């Protein structure tokens, strides 16, 4: 992924964790005929081991490709940016549309597994990760063990051993202060939920950059 310096993030781990909580990842591999194979799946990032894990249906032929290199894509909120948001449009008209978004690409060795204990751990960890903010979180142990065991026979686990991270936050950081504010304020009042979220991210980015460094 092309990541200009002004769109790079200083904390890729935090961005990965945040995006993984909201959206499924897309795991992409290439088969023997160089045909891309992609699967959407919930994933869990481990910053200490630099691995990202999940599971897919056993009926999905993706896992039969075996071990090799893979790419996992995490997308975040995104928004169309109209030139009408830029004050500079009225000044010189040299403005064009663009797209703001957050995304992470993680590359590395793909490992497939169906060891029962390891698979149960991944399923449990994923459930705990997504349930913990709920008032009454569900846990794997809430369901009958025989039922869980039967379902797990229908899935295969996957771990991507990450050796390359490309993290991007394209939030108009390359624009003038006036144009940046114009986009942030325009998106913040959009009727579209994701556009409003991007506007909020931009306001947070500006607030962070405006904070005194304490020196």
N, C-alpha and C. Protein backbone atom coordinates (compact mmCIF):
# COMPACT_ATOMS: atom_id res chain seq x y z
N UNK A 1 0.85 -1.19 0.00
CA UNK A 1 0.00 0.00 0.00
C UNK A 1 0.89 1.23 0.00
N UNK A 2 0.54 2.19 -0.81
CA UNK A 2 1.28 3.44 -0.89
C UNK A 2 0.93 4.31 0.32
N UNK A 3 1.94 4.66 1.12
CA UNK A 3 1.71 5.44 2.34
C UNK A 3 2.66 6.64 2.36
N UNK A 4 2.24 7.79 1.82
CA UNK A 4 3.06 8.99 1.92
C UNK A 4 3.31 9.34 3.39
N UNK A 5 4.40 10.01 3.66
CA UNK A 5 4.78 10.29 5.05
C UNK A 5 3.69 11.03 5.82
N UNK A 6 2.96 11.94 5.15
CA UNK A 6 1.96 12.72 5.89
C UNK A 6 0.71 11.91 6.20
N UNK A 7 0.57 10.69 5.63
CA UNK A 7 -0.57 9.84 5.95
C UNK A 7 -0.19 8.64 6.82
N UNK A 8 1.07 8.57 7.22
CA UNK A 8 1.53 7.48 8.07
C UNK A 8 1.06 7.72 9.51
N UNK A 9 0.93 6.64 10.28
CA UNK A 9 0.52 6.75 11.67
C UNK A 9 1.67 6.38 12.59
N UNK A 10 1.76 7.06 13.71
CA UNK A 10 2.84 6.79 14.66
C UNK A 10 2.55 5.58 15.54
N UNK A 11 1.30 5.12 15.56
CA UNK A 11 0.93 3.99 16.43
C UNK A 11 0.10 2.99 15.63
N UNK A 12 0.79 2.17 14.84
CA UNK A 12 0.10 1.18 14.00
C UNK A 12 -0.64 0.15 14.84
N UNK A 13 -0.06 -0.25 15.98
CA UNK A 13 -0.71 -1.26 16.83
C UNK A 13 -2.09 -0.80 17.28
N UNK A 14 -2.20 0.44 17.72
CA UNK A 14 -3.47 0.97 18.18
C UNK A 14 -4.49 1.03 17.05
N UNK A 15 -4.03 1.40 15.85
CA UNK A 15 -4.93 1.47 14.71
C UNK A 15 -5.42 0.07 14.34
N UNK A 16 -4.52 -0.92 14.33
CA UNK A 16 -4.92 -2.30 14.02
C UNK A 16 -5.96 -2.79 15.01
N UNK A 17 -5.71 -2.55 16.29
CA UNK A 17 -6.63 -3.00 17.33
C UNK A 17 -8.00 -2.34 17.18
N UNK A 18 -8.00 -1.06 16.88
CA UNK A 18 -9.27 -0.34 16.74
C UNK A 18 -10.07 -0.80 15.54
N UNK A 19 -9.38 -1.00 14.41
CA UNK A 19 -10.08 -1.44 13.21
C UNK A 19 -10.57 -2.88 13.34
N UNK A 20 -9.77 -3.74 14.00
CA UNK A 20 -10.17 -5.14 14.17
C UNK A 20 -11.40 -5.27 15.06
N UNK A 21 -11.61 -4.31 15.93
CA UNK A 21 -12.79 -4.34 16.80
C UNK A 21 -14.06 -4.02 16.02
N UNK A 22 -13.93 -3.24 14.96
CA UNK A 22 -15.11 -2.76 14.24
C UNK A 22 -15.41 -3.53 12.96
N UNK A 23 -14.36 -3.97 12.27
CA UNK A 23 -14.55 -4.56 10.94
C UNK A 23 -13.84 -5.90 10.80
N UNK A 24 -14.39 -6.75 9.93
CA UNK A 24 -13.72 -8.00 9.59
C UNK A 24 -12.49 -7.68 8.74
N UNK A 25 -11.50 -8.56 8.81
CA UNK A 25 -10.36 -8.42 7.93
C UNK A 25 -10.60 -9.18 6.64
N UNK A 26 -9.81 -8.89 5.63
CA UNK A 26 -9.87 -9.63 4.36
C UNK A 26 -8.51 -10.28 4.15
N UNK A 27 -8.48 -11.61 4.23
CA UNK A 27 -7.23 -12.35 4.03
C UNK A 27 -7.12 -12.72 2.56
N UNK A 28 -5.99 -12.34 1.95
CA UNK A 28 -5.78 -12.59 0.53
C UNK A 28 -4.56 -13.49 0.35
N UNK A 29 -4.75 -14.58 -0.40
CA UNK A 29 -3.65 -15.47 -0.76
C UNK A 29 -3.70 -15.68 -2.27
N UNK A 30 -2.66 -16.29 -2.81
CA UNK A 30 -2.61 -16.55 -4.25
C UNK A 30 -2.43 -18.04 -4.46
N UNK A 31 -3.25 -18.65 -5.33
CA UNK A 31 -3.14 -20.09 -5.55
C UNK A 31 -2.05 -20.41 -6.58
N UNK A 32 -1.92 -21.67 -6.94
CA UNK A 32 -0.85 -22.11 -7.83
C UNK A 32 -0.94 -21.48 -9.22
N UNK A 33 -2.14 -21.04 -9.61
CA UNK A 33 -2.33 -20.40 -10.91
C UNK A 33 -2.25 -18.89 -10.82
N UNK A 34 -1.77 -18.39 -9.69
CA UNK A 34 -1.64 -16.95 -9.44
C UNK A 34 -2.99 -16.25 -9.39
N UNK A 35 -4.04 -17.01 -9.03
CA UNK A 35 -5.37 -16.43 -8.87
C UNK A 35 -5.55 -16.01 -7.41
N UNK A 36 -5.89 -14.74 -7.15
CA UNK A 36 -6.08 -14.30 -5.76
C UNK A 36 -7.32 -14.95 -5.14
N UNK A 37 -7.18 -15.40 -3.89
CA UNK A 37 -8.28 -15.97 -3.12
C UNK A 37 -8.44 -15.09 -1.88
N UNK A 38 -9.66 -14.62 -1.60
CA UNK A 38 -9.87 -13.72 -0.47
C UNK A 38 -11.01 -14.21 0.40
N UNK A 39 -10.84 -14.04 1.72
CA UNK A 39 -11.86 -14.43 2.68
C UNK A 39 -12.02 -13.33 3.73
N UNK A 40 -13.26 -12.96 4.01
CA UNK A 40 -13.56 -12.02 5.10
C UNK A 40 -13.65 -12.81 6.40
N UNK A 41 -13.02 -12.33 7.45
CA UNK A 41 -13.05 -13.04 8.73
C UNK A 41 -12.76 -12.10 9.88
N UNK A 42 -13.38 -12.35 11.05
CA UNK A 42 -13.03 -11.58 12.24
C UNK A 42 -11.63 -11.97 12.69
N UNK A 43 -10.87 -11.03 13.19
CA UNK A 43 -9.48 -11.31 13.55
C UNK A 43 -9.14 -10.68 14.89
N UNK A 44 -8.06 -11.21 15.48
CA UNK A 44 -7.57 -10.73 16.77
C UNK A 44 -6.08 -10.45 16.65
N UNK A 45 -5.67 -9.22 16.97
CA UNK A 45 -4.27 -8.81 16.84
C UNK A 45 -3.53 -9.01 18.15
N UNK A 46 -2.36 -9.62 18.08
CA UNK A 46 -1.48 -9.78 19.24
C UNK A 46 -0.22 -8.97 18.97
N UNK A 47 -0.11 -7.81 19.61
CA UNK A 47 1.01 -6.90 19.35
C UNK A 47 2.34 -7.48 19.83
N UNK A 48 2.30 -8.32 20.86
CA UNK A 48 3.53 -8.88 21.41
C UNK A 48 4.15 -9.92 20.48
N UNK A 49 3.30 -10.81 19.94
CA UNK A 49 3.81 -11.87 19.07
C UNK A 49 3.81 -11.48 17.60
N UNK A 50 3.25 -10.31 17.28
CA UNK A 50 3.12 -9.82 15.90
C UNK A 50 2.36 -10.83 15.05
N UNK A 51 1.25 -11.31 15.59
CA UNK A 51 0.41 -12.25 14.86
C UNK A 51 -1.03 -11.75 14.87
N UNK A 52 -1.77 -12.15 13.86
CA UNK A 52 -3.20 -11.84 13.79
C UNK A 52 -3.92 -13.13 13.43
N UNK A 53 -4.92 -13.50 14.22
CA UNK A 53 -5.54 -14.82 14.11
C UNK A 53 -7.05 -14.73 13.95
N UNK A 54 -7.62 -15.79 13.38
CA UNK A 54 -9.05 -15.90 13.22
C UNK A 54 -9.41 -17.31 12.80
N UNK A 55 -10.57 -17.47 12.19
CA UNK A 55 -10.97 -18.79 11.71
C UNK A 55 -11.92 -18.64 10.54
N UNK A 56 -11.98 -19.67 9.69
CA UNK A 56 -12.87 -19.67 8.54
C UNK A 56 -13.60 -21.01 8.50
N UNK A 57 -14.62 -21.11 7.66
CA UNK A 57 -15.36 -22.36 7.51
C UNK A 57 -14.47 -23.43 6.88
N UNK A 58 -14.55 -24.64 7.38
CA UNK A 58 -13.77 -25.74 6.81
C UNK A 58 -14.17 -25.98 5.35
N UNK A 59 -15.42 -25.67 5.01
CA UNK A 59 -15.87 -25.85 3.63
C UNK A 59 -15.26 -24.83 2.67
N UNK A 60 -14.68 -23.75 3.22
CA UNK A 60 -14.02 -22.73 2.41
C UNK A 60 -12.69 -23.30 1.90
N UNK A 61 -12.49 -23.38 0.58
CA UNK A 61 -11.25 -23.98 0.05
C UNK A 61 -10.00 -23.14 0.28
N UNK A 62 -10.15 -21.95 0.82
CA UNK A 62 -8.99 -21.07 1.01
C UNK A 62 -7.87 -21.77 1.79
N UNK A 63 -8.24 -22.47 2.88
CA UNK A 63 -7.22 -23.07 3.74
C UNK A 63 -6.45 -24.19 3.04
N UNK A 64 -7.03 -24.76 1.99
CA UNK A 64 -6.37 -25.86 1.28
C UNK A 64 -5.18 -25.39 0.45
N UNK A 65 -5.00 -24.08 0.35
CA UNK A 65 -3.81 -23.56 -0.33
C UNK A 65 -2.56 -23.89 0.48
N UNK A 66 -2.73 -24.15 1.78
CA UNK A 66 -1.59 -24.46 2.63
C UNK A 66 -0.83 -23.22 3.03
N UNK A 67 0.30 -23.45 3.67
CA UNK A 67 1.09 -22.32 4.15
C UNK A 67 1.77 -21.60 2.99
N UNK A 68 1.96 -20.33 3.19
CA UNK A 68 2.58 -19.46 2.19
C UNK A 68 2.45 -18.04 2.68
N UNK A 69 2.68 -17.09 1.81
CA UNK A 69 2.54 -15.70 2.22
C UNK A 69 1.11 -15.24 1.99
N UNK A 70 0.68 -14.32 2.84
CA UNK A 70 -0.66 -13.78 2.72
C UNK A 70 -0.68 -12.31 3.07
N UNK A 71 -1.76 -11.67 2.70
CA UNK A 71 -1.99 -10.26 3.01
C UNK A 71 -3.34 -10.14 3.68
N UNK A 72 -3.38 -9.49 4.84
CA UNK A 72 -4.64 -9.24 5.51
C UNK A 72 -4.91 -7.74 5.50
N UNK A 73 -6.09 -7.37 5.00
CA UNK A 73 -6.47 -5.97 4.87
C UNK A 73 -7.53 -5.62 5.91
N UNK A 74 -7.28 -4.57 6.65
CA UNK A 74 -8.26 -4.02 7.59
C UNK A 74 -8.66 -2.63 7.11
N UNK A 75 -9.93 -2.46 6.82
CA UNK A 75 -10.43 -1.16 6.43
C UNK A 75 -11.16 -0.50 7.59
N UNK A 76 -11.13 0.82 7.61
CA UNK A 76 -11.83 1.57 8.64
C UNK A 76 -12.87 2.48 8.02
N UNK A 77 -13.29 3.52 8.72
CA UNK A 77 -14.26 4.46 8.17
C UNK A 77 -13.67 5.19 6.97
N UNK A 78 -14.53 5.59 6.04
CA UNK A 78 -14.07 6.26 4.84
C UNK A 78 -15.12 7.28 4.39
N UNK A 79 -14.68 8.21 3.57
CA UNK A 79 -15.60 9.26 3.15
C UNK A 79 -15.14 9.92 1.85
N UNK A 80 -16.09 10.22 1.00
CA UNK A 80 -15.85 11.05 -0.18
C UNK A 80 -15.65 12.48 0.28
N UNK A 81 -14.64 13.14 -0.27
CA UNK A 81 -14.35 14.53 0.08
C UNK A 81 -14.64 15.41 -1.13
N UNK A 82 -15.65 16.25 -0.99
CA UNK A 82 -16.03 17.14 -2.08
C UNK A 82 -15.17 18.40 -2.09
N UNK A 83 -14.81 18.90 -3.26
CA UNK A 83 -14.05 20.16 -3.34
C UNK A 83 -14.82 21.33 -2.71
N UNK A 84 -16.13 21.19 -2.59
CA UNK A 84 -16.93 22.27 -2.00
C UNK A 84 -16.60 22.51 -0.54
N UNK A 85 -15.92 21.55 0.11
CA UNK A 85 -15.53 21.73 1.51
C UNK A 85 -14.33 22.68 1.65
N UNK A 86 -13.58 22.89 0.55
CA UNK A 86 -12.35 23.66 0.64
C UNK A 86 -12.61 25.16 0.47
N UNK A 87 -12.21 26.00 1.43
CA UNK A 87 -12.29 27.44 1.22
C UNK A 87 -11.46 27.87 0.01
N UNK A 88 -10.40 27.13 -0.29
CA UNK A 88 -9.53 27.50 -1.42
C UNK A 88 -10.24 27.38 -2.76
N UNK A 89 -11.34 26.65 -2.80
CA UNK A 89 -12.10 26.53 -4.05
C UNK A 89 -12.58 27.89 -4.51
N UNK A 90 -13.02 28.71 -3.56
CA UNK A 90 -13.50 30.05 -3.89
C UNK A 90 -12.36 30.99 -4.27
N UNK A 91 -11.15 30.67 -3.81
CA UNK A 91 -10.00 31.53 -4.07
C UNK A 91 -9.42 31.32 -5.46
N UNK A 92 -9.19 30.05 -5.83
CA UNK A 92 -8.52 29.79 -7.11
C UNK A 92 -9.14 28.63 -7.90
N UNK A 93 -10.06 27.90 -7.31
CA UNK A 93 -10.74 26.83 -8.04
C UNK A 93 -9.91 25.59 -8.32
N UNK A 94 -8.66 25.58 -7.87
CA UNK A 94 -7.78 24.44 -8.15
C UNK A 94 -7.98 23.35 -7.10
N UNK A 95 -9.14 22.74 -7.12
CA UNK A 95 -9.46 21.68 -6.17
C UNK A 95 -10.17 20.55 -6.91
N UNK A 96 -9.97 19.34 -6.44
CA UNK A 96 -10.62 18.17 -7.02
C UNK A 96 -11.08 17.25 -5.89
N UNK A 97 -12.01 16.34 -6.17
CA UNK A 97 -12.46 15.41 -5.13
C UNK A 97 -11.35 14.45 -4.71
N UNK A 98 -11.48 13.91 -3.52
CA UNK A 98 -10.58 12.87 -3.05
C UNK A 98 -11.36 11.96 -2.10
N UNK A 99 -10.64 11.07 -1.44
CA UNK A 99 -11.26 10.08 -0.55
C UNK A 99 -10.43 9.99 0.72
N UNK A 100 -11.06 10.15 1.86
CA UNK A 100 -10.37 10.00 3.14
C UNK A 100 -10.72 8.65 3.75
N UNK A 101 -9.74 8.04 4.41
CA UNK A 101 -9.97 6.69 4.96
C UNK A 101 -8.84 6.28 5.89
N UNK A 102 -9.11 5.20 6.63
CA UNK A 102 -8.08 4.53 7.42
C UNK A 102 -7.99 3.08 6.93
N UNK A 103 -6.77 2.57 6.86
CA UNK A 103 -6.59 1.18 6.42
C UNK A 103 -5.24 0.67 6.89
N UNK A 104 -5.16 -0.64 7.08
CA UNK A 104 -3.89 -1.30 7.42
C UNK A 104 -3.74 -2.54 6.55
N UNK A 105 -2.55 -2.73 6.02
CA UNK A 105 -2.21 -3.97 5.31
C UNK A 105 -1.15 -4.69 6.14
N UNK A 106 -1.42 -5.97 6.44
CA UNK A 106 -0.47 -6.78 7.19
C UNK A 106 -0.06 -7.97 6.33
N UNK A 107 1.24 -8.16 6.16
CA UNK A 107 1.75 -9.24 5.32
C UNK A 107 2.60 -10.19 6.15
N UNK A 108 2.61 -11.48 5.75
CA UNK A 108 3.44 -12.44 6.45
C UNK A 108 3.10 -13.87 6.07
N UNK A 109 3.62 -14.78 6.87
CA UNK A 109 3.41 -16.21 6.63
C UNK A 109 2.06 -16.66 7.18
N UNK A 110 1.30 -17.35 6.34
CA UNK A 110 0.00 -17.87 6.74
C UNK A 110 0.15 -19.28 7.31
N UNK A 111 -0.43 -19.50 8.48
CA UNK A 111 -0.42 -20.82 9.12
C UNK A 111 -1.87 -21.24 9.39
N UNK A 112 -2.25 -22.40 8.86
CA UNK A 112 -3.58 -22.95 9.11
C UNK A 112 -3.48 -24.04 10.18
N UNK A 113 -4.51 -24.17 11.02
CA UNK A 113 -4.46 -25.19 12.07
C UNK A 113 -5.87 -25.62 12.45
N UNK A 114 -5.98 -26.85 12.95
CA UNK A 114 -7.27 -27.33 13.46
C UNK A 114 -7.11 -28.08 14.77
N UNK A 115 -5.99 -27.84 15.46
CA UNK A 115 -5.82 -28.39 16.80
C UNK A 115 -6.96 -27.89 17.69
N UNK A 116 -7.66 -28.80 18.33
CA UNK A 116 -8.89 -28.47 19.06
C UNK A 116 -8.65 -27.43 20.16
N UNK A 117 -7.60 -27.61 20.95
CA UNK A 117 -7.35 -26.70 22.06
C UNK A 117 -6.99 -25.30 21.55
N UNK A 118 -6.16 -25.26 20.54
CA UNK A 118 -5.75 -23.97 19.99
C UNK A 118 -6.92 -23.26 19.32
N UNK A 119 -7.73 -24.03 18.64
CA UNK A 119 -8.90 -23.46 17.97
C UNK A 119 -9.89 -22.91 18.99
N UNK A 120 -10.10 -23.65 20.07
CA UNK A 120 -11.00 -23.18 21.12
C UNK A 120 -10.49 -21.88 21.73
N UNK A 121 -9.18 -21.76 21.89
CA UNK A 121 -8.60 -20.54 22.44
C UNK A 121 -8.87 -19.34 21.54
N UNK A 122 -8.70 -19.53 20.23
CA UNK A 122 -8.94 -18.45 19.28
C UNK A 122 -10.41 -18.03 19.31
N UNK A 123 -11.31 -19.01 19.30
CA UNK A 123 -12.74 -18.72 19.33
C UNK A 123 -13.11 -18.00 20.63
N UNK A 124 -12.56 -18.45 21.73
CA UNK A 124 -12.85 -17.83 23.03
C UNK A 124 -12.30 -16.41 23.09
N UNK A 125 -11.07 -16.23 22.64
CA UNK A 125 -10.45 -14.91 22.67
C UNK A 125 -11.20 -13.91 21.79
N UNK A 126 -11.63 -14.37 20.61
CA UNK A 126 -12.38 -13.49 19.72
C UNK A 126 -13.71 -13.07 20.35
N UNK A 127 -14.39 -14.04 20.95
CA UNK A 127 -15.67 -13.74 21.60
C UNK A 127 -15.47 -12.76 22.74
N UNK A 128 -14.47 -13.00 23.57
CA UNK A 128 -14.20 -12.11 24.71
C UNK A 128 -13.86 -10.70 24.24
N UNK A 129 -13.09 -10.61 23.16
CA UNK A 129 -12.66 -9.31 22.62
C UNK A 129 -13.86 -8.47 22.20
N UNK A 130 -14.83 -9.11 21.55
CA UNK A 130 -15.98 -8.37 21.03
C UNK A 130 -17.13 -8.25 22.02
N UNK A 131 -17.13 -9.08 23.05
CA UNK A 131 -18.23 -9.06 24.02
C UNK A 131 -17.94 -8.24 25.26
N UNK A 132 -16.68 -7.94 25.52
CA UNK A 132 -16.32 -7.40 26.84
C UNK A 132 -16.93 -6.04 27.16
N UNK A 133 -17.33 -5.29 26.15
CA UNK A 133 -17.93 -3.99 26.41
C UNK A 133 -19.43 -4.08 26.69
N UNK A 134 -20.00 -5.26 26.51
CA UNK A 134 -21.44 -5.44 26.72
C UNK A 134 -21.76 -5.57 28.20
N UNK A 135 -22.96 -5.16 28.58
CA UNK A 135 -23.37 -5.23 29.99
C UNK A 135 -23.40 -6.68 30.48
N UNK A 136 -23.82 -7.58 29.63
CA UNK A 136 -23.85 -9.00 29.98
C UNK A 136 -23.14 -9.78 28.88
N UNK A 137 -21.81 -9.79 28.91
CA UNK A 137 -21.05 -10.43 27.83
C UNK A 137 -21.28 -11.93 27.73
N UNK A 138 -21.43 -12.39 26.51
CA UNK A 138 -21.55 -13.82 26.24
C UNK A 138 -20.16 -14.43 26.20
N UNK A 139 -20.02 -15.67 26.68
CA UNK A 139 -18.75 -16.39 26.62
C UNK A 139 -18.99 -17.76 26.03
N UNK A 140 -17.96 -18.34 25.45
CA UNK A 140 -18.08 -19.66 24.83
C UNK A 140 -18.62 -20.68 25.84
N UNK A 141 -18.22 -20.53 27.10
CA UNK A 141 -18.67 -21.46 28.13
C UNK A 141 -20.16 -21.39 28.43
N UNK A 142 -20.85 -20.39 27.88
CA UNK A 142 -22.30 -20.28 28.10
C UNK A 142 -23.07 -21.31 27.28
N UNK A 143 -22.47 -21.83 26.24
CA UNK A 143 -23.12 -22.82 25.38
C UNK A 143 -22.68 -24.23 25.79
N UNK A 144 -23.49 -25.24 25.53
CA UNK A 144 -23.09 -26.62 25.87
C UNK A 144 -21.80 -27.00 25.16
N UNK A 145 -20.88 -27.63 25.89
CA UNK A 145 -19.58 -27.97 25.32
C UNK A 145 -19.70 -28.88 24.10
N UNK A 146 -20.63 -29.84 24.14
CA UNK A 146 -20.79 -30.73 22.99
C UNK A 146 -21.21 -29.96 21.75
N UNK A 147 -22.03 -28.93 21.95
CA UNK A 147 -22.49 -28.09 20.84
C UNK A 147 -21.31 -27.31 20.26
N UNK A 148 -20.49 -26.72 21.13
CA UNK A 148 -19.31 -25.97 20.68
C UNK A 148 -18.33 -26.88 19.95
N UNK A 149 -18.09 -28.07 20.52
CA UNK A 149 -17.17 -29.02 19.88
C UNK A 149 -17.63 -29.38 18.48
N UNK A 150 -18.94 -29.58 18.32
CA UNK A 150 -19.48 -29.95 17.01
C UNK A 150 -19.27 -28.81 16.01
N UNK A 151 -19.51 -27.57 16.45
CA UNK A 151 -19.34 -26.43 15.56
C UNK A 151 -17.87 -26.22 15.19
N UNK A 152 -16.98 -26.46 16.14
CA UNK A 152 -15.55 -26.25 15.86
C UNK A 152 -15.02 -27.23 14.83
N UNK A 153 -15.66 -28.37 14.70
CA UNK A 153 -15.22 -29.30 13.66
C UNK A 153 -15.52 -28.76 12.27
N UNK A 154 -16.32 -27.74 12.21
CA UNK A 154 -16.65 -27.14 10.92
C UNK A 154 -15.84 -25.90 10.58
N UNK A 155 -14.80 -25.59 11.38
CA UNK A 155 -13.96 -24.43 11.10
C UNK A 155 -12.49 -24.80 11.13
N UNK A 156 -11.68 -23.93 10.56
CA UNK A 156 -10.23 -24.07 10.55
C UNK A 156 -9.64 -22.76 11.03
N UNK A 157 -8.64 -22.83 11.89
CA UNK A 157 -8.00 -21.62 12.39
C UNK A 157 -6.90 -21.13 11.46
N UNK A 158 -6.61 -19.84 11.55
CA UNK A 158 -5.55 -19.26 10.73
C UNK A 158 -4.81 -18.21 11.54
N UNK A 159 -3.49 -18.22 11.41
CA UNK A 159 -2.65 -17.20 12.03
C UNK A 159 -1.72 -16.63 10.98
N UNK A 160 -1.70 -15.32 10.90
CA UNK A 160 -0.76 -14.64 10.01
C UNK A 160 0.40 -14.13 10.86
N UNK A 161 1.60 -14.64 10.57
CA UNK A 161 2.81 -14.21 11.28
C UNK A 161 3.35 -12.98 10.55
N UNK A 162 3.05 -11.83 11.10
CA UNK A 162 3.24 -10.56 10.39
C UNK A 162 4.70 -10.11 10.41
N UNK A 163 5.21 -9.82 9.23
CA UNK A 163 6.56 -9.26 9.14
C UNK A 163 6.58 -7.91 8.43
N UNK A 164 5.40 -7.46 8.01
CA UNK A 164 5.32 -6.14 7.35
C UNK A 164 3.97 -5.50 7.65
N UNK A 165 4.01 -4.26 8.12
CA UNK A 165 2.79 -3.52 8.42
C UNK A 165 2.82 -2.20 7.65
N UNK A 166 1.73 -1.94 6.91
CA UNK A 166 1.57 -0.67 6.22
C UNK A 166 0.27 -0.06 6.75
N UNK A 167 0.40 0.99 7.55
CA UNK A 167 -0.76 1.61 8.20
C UNK A 167 -0.95 3.02 7.67
N UNK A 168 -2.18 3.31 7.28
CA UNK A 168 -2.44 4.60 6.63
C UNK A 168 -3.68 5.27 7.22
N UNK A 169 -3.55 6.57 7.51
CA UNK A 169 -4.67 7.40 7.95
C UNK A 169 -4.71 8.62 7.04
N UNK A 170 -5.49 8.53 5.99
CA UNK A 170 -5.58 9.62 5.00
C UNK A 170 -6.71 10.54 5.43
N UNK A 171 -6.37 11.61 6.12
CA UNK A 171 -7.35 12.51 6.72
C UNK A 171 -7.08 13.97 6.34
N UNK A 172 -6.69 14.19 5.10
CA UNK A 172 -6.46 15.56 4.59
C UNK A 172 -5.30 16.27 5.29
N UNK A 173 -4.34 15.48 5.85
CA UNK A 173 -3.21 16.11 6.53
C UNK A 173 -2.33 16.92 5.58
N UNK A 174 -2.46 16.67 4.27
CA UNK A 174 -1.63 17.38 3.29
C UNK A 174 -2.27 18.68 2.82
N UNK A 175 -3.42 19.03 3.40
CA UNK A 175 -4.11 20.25 2.99
C UNK A 175 -3.74 21.41 3.92
N UNK A 176 -4.08 22.62 3.48
CA UNK A 176 -3.86 23.78 4.34
C UNK A 176 -4.75 23.67 5.56
N UNK A 177 -4.44 24.46 6.60
CA UNK A 177 -5.24 24.42 7.82
C UNK A 177 -6.70 24.76 7.53
N UNK A 178 -6.93 25.75 6.67
CA UNK A 178 -8.30 26.17 6.36
C UNK A 178 -9.06 25.07 5.62
N UNK A 179 -8.41 24.44 4.65
CA UNK A 179 -9.07 23.37 3.89
C UNK A 179 -9.29 22.15 4.77
N UNK A 180 -8.34 21.85 5.64
CA UNK A 180 -8.50 20.73 6.58
C UNK A 180 -9.74 20.94 7.45
N UNK A 181 -9.86 22.13 8.02
CA UNK A 181 -11.01 22.43 8.88
C UNK A 181 -12.31 22.39 8.08
N UNK A 182 -12.27 22.87 6.84
CA UNK A 182 -13.45 22.85 6.01
C UNK A 182 -13.95 21.43 5.77
N UNK A 183 -13.02 20.50 5.51
CA UNK A 183 -13.39 19.10 5.30
C UNK A 183 -13.93 18.49 6.60
N UNK A 184 -13.21 18.72 7.69
CA UNK A 184 -13.63 18.14 8.97
C UNK A 184 -15.02 18.61 9.36
N UNK A 185 -15.29 19.89 9.21
CA UNK A 185 -16.59 20.43 9.58
C UNK A 185 -17.68 19.97 8.62
N UNK A 186 -17.35 19.87 7.33
CA UNK A 186 -18.33 19.42 6.35
C UNK A 186 -18.74 17.97 6.58
N UNK A 187 -17.75 17.11 6.84
CA UNK A 187 -18.04 15.70 7.07
C UNK A 187 -18.76 15.49 8.40
N UNK A 188 -18.44 16.30 9.39
CA UNK A 188 -19.02 16.12 10.72
C UNK A 188 -20.53 16.32 10.75
N UNK A 189 -21.06 17.03 9.76
CA UNK A 189 -22.52 17.26 9.73
C UNK A 189 -23.19 16.49 8.59
N UNK A 190 -22.46 15.54 8.02
CA UNK A 190 -23.03 14.74 6.93
C UNK A 190 -24.16 13.85 7.43
N UNK A 191 -25.05 13.48 6.52
CA UNK A 191 -26.13 12.54 6.85
C UNK A 191 -25.61 11.12 6.89
N UNK A 192 -24.42 10.90 6.35
CA UNK A 192 -23.83 9.56 6.31
C UNK A 192 -23.03 9.29 7.58
N UNK A 193 -23.29 8.16 8.22
CA UNK A 193 -22.64 7.83 9.49
C UNK A 193 -21.13 7.74 9.37
N UNK A 194 -20.64 7.06 8.33
CA UNK A 194 -19.20 6.90 8.17
C UNK A 194 -18.53 8.24 7.87
N UNK A 195 -19.18 9.09 7.09
CA UNK A 195 -18.62 10.40 6.81
C UNK A 195 -18.50 11.21 8.10
N UNK A 196 -19.53 11.14 8.95
CA UNK A 196 -19.45 11.85 10.23
C UNK A 196 -18.31 11.31 11.08
N UNK A 197 -18.11 10.00 11.03
CA UNK A 197 -17.02 9.40 11.82
C UNK A 197 -15.66 9.89 11.34
N UNK A 198 -15.50 10.00 10.02
CA UNK A 198 -14.24 10.53 9.49
C UNK A 198 -14.05 11.97 9.92
N UNK A 199 -15.13 12.75 9.91
CA UNK A 199 -15.04 14.13 10.38
C UNK A 199 -14.61 14.20 11.83
N UNK A 200 -15.13 13.30 12.66
CA UNK A 200 -14.75 13.26 14.08
C UNK A 200 -13.28 12.87 14.23
N UNK A 201 -12.82 11.92 13.40
CA UNK A 201 -11.41 11.53 13.43
C UNK A 201 -10.51 12.71 13.07
N UNK A 202 -10.95 13.49 12.11
CA UNK A 202 -10.17 14.66 11.71
C UNK A 202 -10.12 15.70 12.83
N UNK A 203 -11.24 15.92 13.49
CA UNK A 203 -11.24 16.87 14.62
C UNK A 203 -10.30 16.39 15.72
N UNK A 204 -10.30 15.07 15.98
CA UNK A 204 -9.41 14.51 17.00
C UNK A 204 -7.95 14.65 16.58
N UNK A 205 -7.69 14.45 15.29
CA UNK A 205 -6.32 14.59 14.77
C UNK A 205 -5.84 16.03 14.95
N UNK A 206 -6.70 16.98 14.66
CA UNK A 206 -6.33 18.38 14.81
C UNK A 206 -6.08 18.72 16.27
N UNK A 207 -6.96 18.24 17.16
CA UNK A 207 -6.80 18.52 18.59
C UNK A 207 -5.49 17.96 19.11
N UNK A 208 -5.14 16.75 18.63
CA UNK A 208 -3.90 16.11 19.07
C UNK A 208 -2.69 16.92 18.61
N UNK A 209 -2.72 17.38 17.36
CA UNK A 209 -1.60 18.14 16.83
C UNK A 209 -1.50 19.53 17.44
N UNK A 210 -2.62 20.04 17.97
CA UNK A 210 -2.61 21.37 18.59
C UNK A 210 -2.21 21.35 20.05
N UNK A 211 -2.10 20.13 20.63
CA UNK A 211 -1.74 20.04 22.06
C UNK A 211 -0.31 20.50 22.28
N UNK A 212 -0.06 21.22 23.36
CA UNK A 212 1.33 21.63 23.67
C UNK A 212 2.17 20.40 23.99
N UNK A 213 3.45 20.44 23.63
CA UNK A 213 4.30 19.26 23.85
C UNK A 213 4.82 19.16 25.28
N UNK A 214 4.56 20.15 26.13
CA UNK A 214 4.95 20.09 27.53
C UNK A 214 6.37 20.51 27.78
N UNK A 215 7.08 20.96 26.74
CA UNK A 215 8.46 21.39 26.94
C UNK A 215 8.54 22.91 27.16
